Amino acid sequence: MRVFLDTSAFLFFITDSKRLSVEARKAFANMDNELVLSIASLWEITIKASLGKLELLRPFEKFIPEQLKENEISILPIELSHLSRLIKLPFHHRDPFDRLIIAQSIAEGHPIISCDSVFSRYPIEVIW
């Protein structure tokens, strides 16, 4: 099954954070799952790191590619179908990165690993 990751879930996973739920850990560990991260998450990480709001364990240009490869996480580009879904999305959530990730999950029809309770207000399966 294809499973999307929101930015926080991805960061919790690659840093082995205790904040990652049991269900999320199971989804990450399930070898039948194809893990997918939106390019929007990488954009969000770079912005937060450049503003000093996020400190990575090592430099972005080394750490993130290593983690993506090591954990077999593929990158989902932003497609027109995702933006078409985004424009119709109700404003339960104001974060532009999360809104795009939610729209991608809905458009692609796959569940998402997220600790954000607002995600459950949208028509997507949330794993947490």
N, C-alpha and C. Protein backbone atom coordinates (compact mmCIF):
# COMPACT_ATOMS: atom_id res chain seq x y z
N MET A 1 0.84 -1.17 0.00
CA MET A 1 0.00 0.00 0.00
C MET A 1 0.90 1.24 0.00
N ARG A 2 0.48 2.22 -0.74
CA ARG A 2 1.19 3.50 -0.76
C ARG A 2 0.74 4.33 0.44
N VAL A 3 1.67 4.87 1.20
CA VAL A 3 1.36 5.65 2.39
C VAL A 3 2.12 6.97 2.33
N PHE A 4 1.36 8.06 2.47
CA PHE A 4 1.98 9.38 2.49
C PHE A 4 2.43 9.73 3.90
N LEU A 5 3.45 10.56 3.99
CA LEU A 5 3.98 11.02 5.27
C LEU A 5 3.80 12.53 5.34
N ASP A 6 3.32 13.02 6.46
CA ASP A 6 3.36 14.47 6.59
C ASP A 6 4.75 14.84 7.12
N THR A 7 5.04 16.11 7.11
CA THR A 7 6.39 16.57 7.45
C THR A 7 6.81 16.15 8.85
N SER A 8 5.93 16.33 9.83
CA SER A 8 6.28 15.97 11.21
C SER A 8 6.53 14.47 11.35
N ALA A 9 5.67 13.66 10.75
CA ALA A 9 5.85 12.21 10.84
C ALA A 9 7.19 11.80 10.24
N PHE A 10 7.55 12.40 9.10
CA PHE A 10 8.83 12.11 8.47
C PHE A 10 9.98 12.48 9.42
N LEU A 11 9.92 13.67 10.00
CA LEU A 11 10.99 14.12 10.90
C LEU A 11 11.05 13.26 12.16
N PHE A 12 9.90 12.90 12.71
CA PHE A 12 9.88 12.02 13.89
C PHE A 12 10.53 10.68 13.56
N PHE A 13 10.22 10.16 12.37
CA PHE A 13 10.73 8.86 11.96
C PHE A 13 12.26 8.89 11.78
N ILE A 14 12.76 9.87 11.04
CA ILE A 14 14.20 9.87 10.74
C ILE A 14 15.06 10.26 11.93
N THR A 15 14.43 10.82 12.96
CA THR A 15 15.18 11.16 14.18
C THR A 15 14.87 10.18 15.32
N ASP A 16 14.10 9.14 15.01
CA ASP A 16 13.72 8.12 15.99
C ASP A 16 13.09 8.74 17.24
N SER A 17 12.20 9.70 16.99
CA SER A 17 11.54 10.41 18.08
C SER A 17 10.54 9.52 18.82
N LYS A 18 10.47 9.71 20.11
CA LYS A 18 9.49 9.00 20.93
C LYS A 18 8.08 9.50 20.66
N ARG A 19 7.96 10.64 19.97
CA ARG A 19 6.66 11.22 19.65
C ARG A 19 5.93 10.43 18.56
N LEU A 20 6.63 9.56 17.86
CA LEU A 20 6.01 8.74 16.81
C LEU A 20 5.12 7.69 17.47
N SER A 21 3.87 7.63 17.07
CA SER A 21 2.92 6.70 17.68
C SER A 21 3.22 5.25 17.32
N VAL A 22 2.63 4.34 18.06
CA VAL A 22 2.79 2.91 17.80
C VAL A 22 2.25 2.56 16.41
N GLU A 23 1.07 3.08 16.07
CA GLU A 23 0.48 2.79 14.76
C GLU A 23 1.34 3.34 13.63
N ALA A 24 1.89 4.52 13.83
CA ALA A 24 2.77 5.10 12.82
C ALA A 24 4.03 4.25 12.65
N ARG A 25 4.59 3.80 13.76
CA ARG A 25 5.78 2.94 13.70
C ARG A 25 5.48 1.66 12.93
N LYS A 26 4.29 1.09 13.15
CA LYS A 26 3.90 -0.13 12.43
C LYS A 26 3.82 0.15 10.93
N ALA A 27 3.25 1.28 10.56
CA ALA A 27 3.12 1.63 9.14
C ALA A 27 4.49 1.82 8.50
N PHE A 28 5.40 2.45 9.22
CA PHE A 28 6.77 2.63 8.71
C PHE A 28 7.48 1.28 8.58
N ALA A 29 7.26 0.40 9.52
CA ALA A 29 7.96 -0.88 9.54
C ALA A 29 7.39 -1.91 8.56
N ASN A 30 6.16 -1.72 8.13
CA ASN A 30 5.51 -2.66 7.23
C ASN A 30 6.19 -2.62 5.86
N MET A 31 6.88 -3.68 5.52
CA MET A 31 7.65 -3.73 4.27
C MET A 31 6.75 -3.71 3.02
N ASP A 32 5.46 -3.96 3.19
CA ASP A 32 4.52 -3.90 2.07
C ASP A 32 4.11 -2.47 1.74
N ASN A 33 4.42 -1.53 2.64
CA ASN A 33 4.06 -0.14 2.42
C ASN A 33 5.13 0.58 1.60
N GLU A 34 4.66 1.34 0.63
CA GLU A 34 5.54 2.24 -0.13
C GLU A 34 5.40 3.61 0.51
N LEU A 35 6.49 4.11 1.09
CA LEU A 35 6.48 5.39 1.78
C LEU A 35 6.73 6.53 0.80
N VAL A 36 5.87 7.56 0.88
CA VAL A 36 5.94 8.67 -0.06
C VAL A 36 5.92 9.99 0.70
N LEU A 37 6.84 10.87 0.34
CA LEU A 37 6.94 12.19 0.96
C LEU A 37 6.74 13.25 -0.11
N SER A 38 5.91 14.22 0.17
CA SER A 38 5.68 15.31 -0.78
C SER A 38 6.90 16.22 -0.86
N ILE A 39 7.15 16.71 -2.04
CA ILE A 39 8.21 17.70 -2.22
C ILE A 39 7.90 18.94 -1.36
N ALA A 40 6.61 19.16 -1.06
CA ALA A 40 6.21 20.27 -0.20
C ALA A 40 6.81 20.13 1.19
N SER A 41 6.94 18.89 1.67
CA SER A 41 7.55 18.66 2.99
C SER A 41 9.02 19.06 2.98
N LEU A 42 9.70 18.73 1.91
CA LEU A 42 11.12 19.10 1.83
C LEU A 42 11.27 20.62 1.74
N TRP A 43 10.36 21.25 1.04
CA TRP A 43 10.35 22.71 0.96
C TRP A 43 10.12 23.30 2.35
N GLU A 44 9.15 22.74 3.08
CA GLU A 44 8.87 23.21 4.44
C GLU A 44 10.08 23.05 5.35
N ILE A 45 10.74 21.91 5.26
CA ILE A 45 11.93 21.64 6.09
C ILE A 45 13.03 22.66 5.79
N THR A 46 13.27 22.95 4.51
CA THR A 46 14.33 23.90 4.17
C THR A 46 14.00 25.30 4.67
N ILE A 47 12.75 25.70 4.57
CA ILE A 47 12.36 27.02 5.05
C ILE A 47 12.54 27.11 6.56
N LYS A 48 12.04 26.12 7.29
CA LYS A 48 12.15 26.15 8.75
C LYS A 48 13.61 26.08 9.20
N ALA A 49 14.42 25.28 8.53
CA ALA A 49 15.84 25.18 8.88
C ALA A 49 16.55 26.51 8.60
N SER A 50 16.23 27.14 7.48
CA SER A 50 16.90 28.40 7.14
C SER A 50 16.50 29.53 8.08
N LEU A 51 15.30 29.43 8.66
CA LEU A 51 14.84 30.45 9.61
C LEU A 51 15.29 30.16 11.04
N GLY A 52 15.94 29.01 11.24
CA GLY A 52 16.38 28.63 12.57
C GLY A 52 15.28 28.03 13.43
N LYS A 53 14.15 27.66 12.82
CA LYS A 53 13.03 27.06 13.56
C LYS A 53 13.12 25.54 13.62
N LEU A 54 14.08 24.99 12.89
CA LEU A 54 14.27 23.54 12.86
C LEU A 54 15.76 23.27 12.76
N GLU A 55 16.24 22.42 13.66
CA GLU A 55 17.64 22.04 13.63
C GLU A 55 17.73 20.57 13.24
N LEU A 56 18.40 20.30 12.14
CA LEU A 56 18.59 18.93 11.68
C LEU A 56 19.84 18.34 12.32
N LEU A 57 19.90 17.01 12.37
CA LEU A 57 21.04 16.34 12.99
C LEU A 57 22.34 16.58 12.23
N ARG A 58 22.22 16.74 10.91
CA ARG A 58 23.36 17.02 10.04
C ARG A 58 22.89 17.96 8.95
N PRO A 59 23.78 18.50 8.13
CA PRO A 59 23.36 19.41 7.06
C PRO A 59 22.30 18.77 6.14
N PHE A 60 21.32 19.58 5.78
CA PHE A 60 20.20 19.13 4.95
C PHE A 60 20.68 18.35 3.73
N GLU A 61 21.63 18.90 3.00
CA GLU A 61 22.06 18.32 1.72
C GLU A 61 22.68 16.93 1.85
N LYS A 62 23.05 16.55 3.05
CA LYS A 62 23.57 15.20 3.29
C LYS A 62 22.53 14.34 4.00
N PHE A 63 21.98 14.88 5.08
CA PHE A 63 21.10 14.12 5.95
C PHE A 63 19.81 13.66 5.25
N ILE A 64 19.13 14.59 4.61
CA ILE A 64 17.82 14.26 4.00
C ILE A 64 17.97 13.26 2.86
N PRO A 65 18.87 13.46 1.90
CA PRO A 65 19.02 12.43 0.85
C PRO A 65 19.40 11.05 1.40
N GLU A 66 20.26 11.02 2.42
CA GLU A 66 20.63 9.74 3.05
C GLU A 66 19.41 9.06 3.65
N GLN A 67 18.59 9.82 4.35
CA GLN A 67 17.41 9.26 5.00
C GLN A 67 16.38 8.78 3.98
N LEU A 68 16.20 9.53 2.92
CA LEU A 68 15.26 9.12 1.88
C LEU A 68 15.70 7.80 1.25
N LYS A 69 16.98 7.70 0.95
CA LYS A 69 17.51 6.48 0.33
C LYS A 69 17.48 5.31 1.31
N GLU A 70 17.99 5.53 2.50
CA GLU A 70 18.08 4.47 3.51
C GLU A 70 16.71 3.89 3.87
N ASN A 71 15.70 4.74 3.90
CA ASN A 71 14.36 4.31 4.30
C ASN A 71 13.43 4.06 3.11
N GLU A 72 14.01 4.13 1.92
CA GLU A 72 13.26 3.87 0.68
C GLU A 72 11.99 4.71 0.59
N ILE A 73 12.15 6.00 0.82
CA ILE A 73 11.04 6.94 0.75
C ILE A 73 11.13 7.68 -0.57
N SER A 74 10.07 7.61 -1.35
CA SER A 74 10.06 8.30 -2.64
C SER A 74 9.46 9.70 -2.48
N ILE A 75 9.79 10.56 -3.43
CA ILE A 75 9.32 11.94 -3.42
C ILE A 75 8.16 12.09 -4.39
N LEU A 76 7.08 12.71 -3.92
CA LEU A 76 5.93 12.99 -4.76
C LEU A 76 5.99 14.44 -5.22
N PRO A 77 6.08 14.65 -6.54
CA PRO A 77 6.08 16.03 -7.05
C PRO A 77 4.69 16.64 -6.93
N ILE A 78 4.60 17.92 -7.11
CA ILE A 78 3.31 18.60 -7.11
C ILE A 78 2.77 18.55 -8.54
N GLU A 79 1.60 17.96 -8.69
CA GLU A 79 0.95 17.81 -9.99
C GLU A 79 -0.25 18.75 -10.09
N LEU A 80 -0.68 19.01 -11.31
CA LEU A 80 -1.86 19.86 -11.50
C LEU A 80 -3.09 19.27 -10.83
N SER A 81 -3.22 17.94 -10.83
CA SER A 81 -4.37 17.30 -10.18
C SER A 81 -4.38 17.58 -8.67
N HIS A 82 -3.21 17.71 -8.08
CA HIS A 82 -3.12 18.03 -6.65
C HIS A 82 -3.58 19.47 -6.40
N LEU A 83 -3.17 20.37 -7.29
CA LEU A 83 -3.55 21.78 -7.14
C LEU A 83 -5.04 21.97 -7.40
N SER A 84 -5.59 21.17 -8.33
CA SER A 84 -7.03 21.22 -8.58
C SER A 84 -7.81 20.79 -7.35
N ARG A 85 -7.29 19.82 -6.64
CA ARG A 85 -7.92 19.36 -5.40
C ARG A 85 -7.74 20.40 -4.30
N LEU A 86 -6.57 21.01 -4.24
CA LEU A 86 -6.26 22.01 -3.22
C LEU A 86 -7.20 23.21 -3.29
N ILE A 87 -7.49 23.64 -4.49
CA ILE A 87 -8.33 24.84 -4.65
C ILE A 87 -9.75 24.62 -4.13
N LYS A 88 -10.18 23.36 -4.07
CA LYS A 88 -11.52 23.01 -3.60
C LYS A 88 -11.55 22.62 -2.12
N LEU A 89 -10.41 22.57 -1.50
CA LEU A 89 -10.30 22.08 -0.12
C LEU A 89 -10.89 23.09 0.87
N PRO A 90 -11.76 22.64 1.78
CA PRO A 90 -12.25 23.56 2.81
C PRO A 90 -11.11 23.99 3.73
N PHE A 91 -11.27 25.13 4.38
CA PHE A 91 -10.21 25.68 5.21
C PHE A 91 -10.30 25.22 6.66
N HIS A 92 -10.29 23.90 6.87
CA HIS A 92 -10.20 23.37 8.22
C HIS A 92 -8.79 23.63 8.77
N HIS A 93 -7.86 23.75 7.86
CA HIS A 93 -6.44 23.90 8.20
C HIS A 93 -5.90 25.09 7.42
N ARG A 94 -5.08 25.92 8.07
CA ARG A 94 -4.54 27.12 7.42
C ARG A 94 -3.10 26.96 6.92
N ASP A 95 -2.39 25.96 7.43
CA ASP A 95 -0.99 25.77 7.05
C ASP A 95 -0.90 25.40 5.56
N PRO A 96 -0.24 26.21 4.74
CA PRO A 96 -0.22 25.95 3.29
C PRO A 96 0.48 24.64 2.92
N PHE A 97 1.50 24.25 3.66
CA PHE A 97 2.19 22.99 3.36
C PHE A 97 1.28 21.81 3.68
N ASP A 98 0.65 21.85 4.85
CA ASP A 98 -0.25 20.77 5.22
C ASP A 98 -1.43 20.68 4.27
N ARG A 99 -1.97 21.82 3.86
CA ARG A 99 -3.09 21.82 2.92
C ARG A 99 -2.70 21.14 1.61
N LEU A 100 -1.52 21.41 1.12
CA LEU A 100 -1.07 20.78 -0.12
C LEU A 100 -0.87 19.27 0.08
N ILE A 101 -0.29 18.89 1.19
CA ILE A 101 -0.08 17.47 1.49
C ILE A 101 -1.42 16.74 1.61
N ILE A 102 -2.39 17.37 2.25
CA ILE A 102 -3.74 16.80 2.36
C ILE A 102 -4.35 16.65 0.97
N ALA A 103 -4.25 17.68 0.14
CA ALA A 103 -4.80 17.63 -1.21
C ALA A 103 -4.14 16.51 -2.02
N GLN A 104 -2.84 16.33 -1.86
CA GLN A 104 -2.15 15.25 -2.56
C GLN A 104 -2.66 13.89 -2.11
N SER A 105 -2.85 13.72 -0.81
CA SER A 105 -3.33 12.46 -0.27
C SER A 105 -4.73 12.15 -0.80
N ILE A 106 -5.59 13.16 -0.82
CA ILE A 106 -6.95 12.97 -1.33
C ILE A 106 -6.92 12.64 -2.82
N ALA A 107 -6.16 13.43 -3.58
CA ALA A 107 -6.11 13.23 -5.04
C ALA A 107 -5.55 11.86 -5.41
N GLU A 108 -4.57 11.39 -4.65
CA GLU A 108 -3.94 10.10 -4.94
C GLU A 108 -4.70 8.93 -4.32
N GLY A 109 -5.56 9.24 -3.34
CA GLY A 109 -6.38 8.21 -2.71
C GLY A 109 -5.62 7.28 -1.78
N HIS A 110 -4.62 7.82 -1.09
CA HIS A 110 -3.82 7.00 -0.19
C HIS A 110 -3.84 7.58 1.23
N PRO A 111 -3.69 6.73 2.25
CA PRO A 111 -3.68 7.22 3.63
C PRO A 111 -2.42 8.04 3.91
N ILE A 112 -2.48 8.77 5.00
CA ILE A 112 -1.36 9.62 5.39
C ILE A 112 -1.03 9.41 6.86
N ILE A 113 0.25 9.35 7.16
CA ILE A 113 0.71 9.27 8.54
C ILE A 113 0.86 10.70 9.04
N SER A 114 0.07 11.05 10.06
CA SER A 114 0.13 12.41 10.59
C SER A 114 -0.35 12.44 12.03
N CYS A 115 0.31 13.27 12.82
CA CYS A 115 -0.10 13.47 14.21
C CYS A 115 -1.05 14.66 14.33
N ASP A 116 -1.28 15.36 13.23
CA ASP A 116 -2.12 16.56 13.23
C ASP A 116 -3.60 16.15 13.23
N SER A 117 -4.30 16.43 14.30
CA SER A 117 -5.70 16.01 14.43
C SER A 117 -6.62 16.67 13.41
N VAL A 118 -6.24 17.81 12.88
CA VAL A 118 -7.07 18.50 11.89
C VAL A 118 -7.16 17.70 10.58
N PHE A 119 -6.14 16.89 10.30
CA PHE A 119 -6.15 16.09 9.08
C PHE A 119 -7.40 15.20 9.02
N SER A 120 -7.88 14.74 10.15
CA SER A 120 -9.03 13.84 10.18
C SER A 120 -10.33 14.53 9.79
N ARG A 121 -10.32 15.84 9.66
CA ARG A 121 -11.52 16.57 9.23
C ARG A 121 -11.68 16.53 7.71
N TYR A 122 -10.70 15.98 7.04
CA TYR A 122 -10.73 15.85 5.58
C TYR A 122 -11.03 14.40 5.20
N PRO A 123 -11.49 14.17 3.98
CA PRO A 123 -11.84 12.80 3.56
C PRO A 123 -10.61 11.95 3.20
N ILE A 124 -9.75 11.73 4.19
CA ILE A 124 -8.58 10.89 4.01
C ILE A 124 -8.42 9.98 5.23
N GLU A 125 -7.77 8.86 5.00
CA GLU A 125 -7.46 7.97 6.12
C GLU A 125 -6.18 8.48 6.79
N VAL A 126 -6.26 8.72 8.08
CA VAL A 126 -5.10 9.21 8.84
C VAL A 126 -4.61 8.09 9.73
N ILE A 127 -3.33 7.81 9.64
CA ILE A 127 -2.70 6.81 10.51
C ILE A 127 -1.95 7.55 11.60
N TRP A 128 -2.30 7.27 12.83
CA TRP A 128 -1.55 7.79 13.97
C TRP A 128 -1.87 6.96 15.18
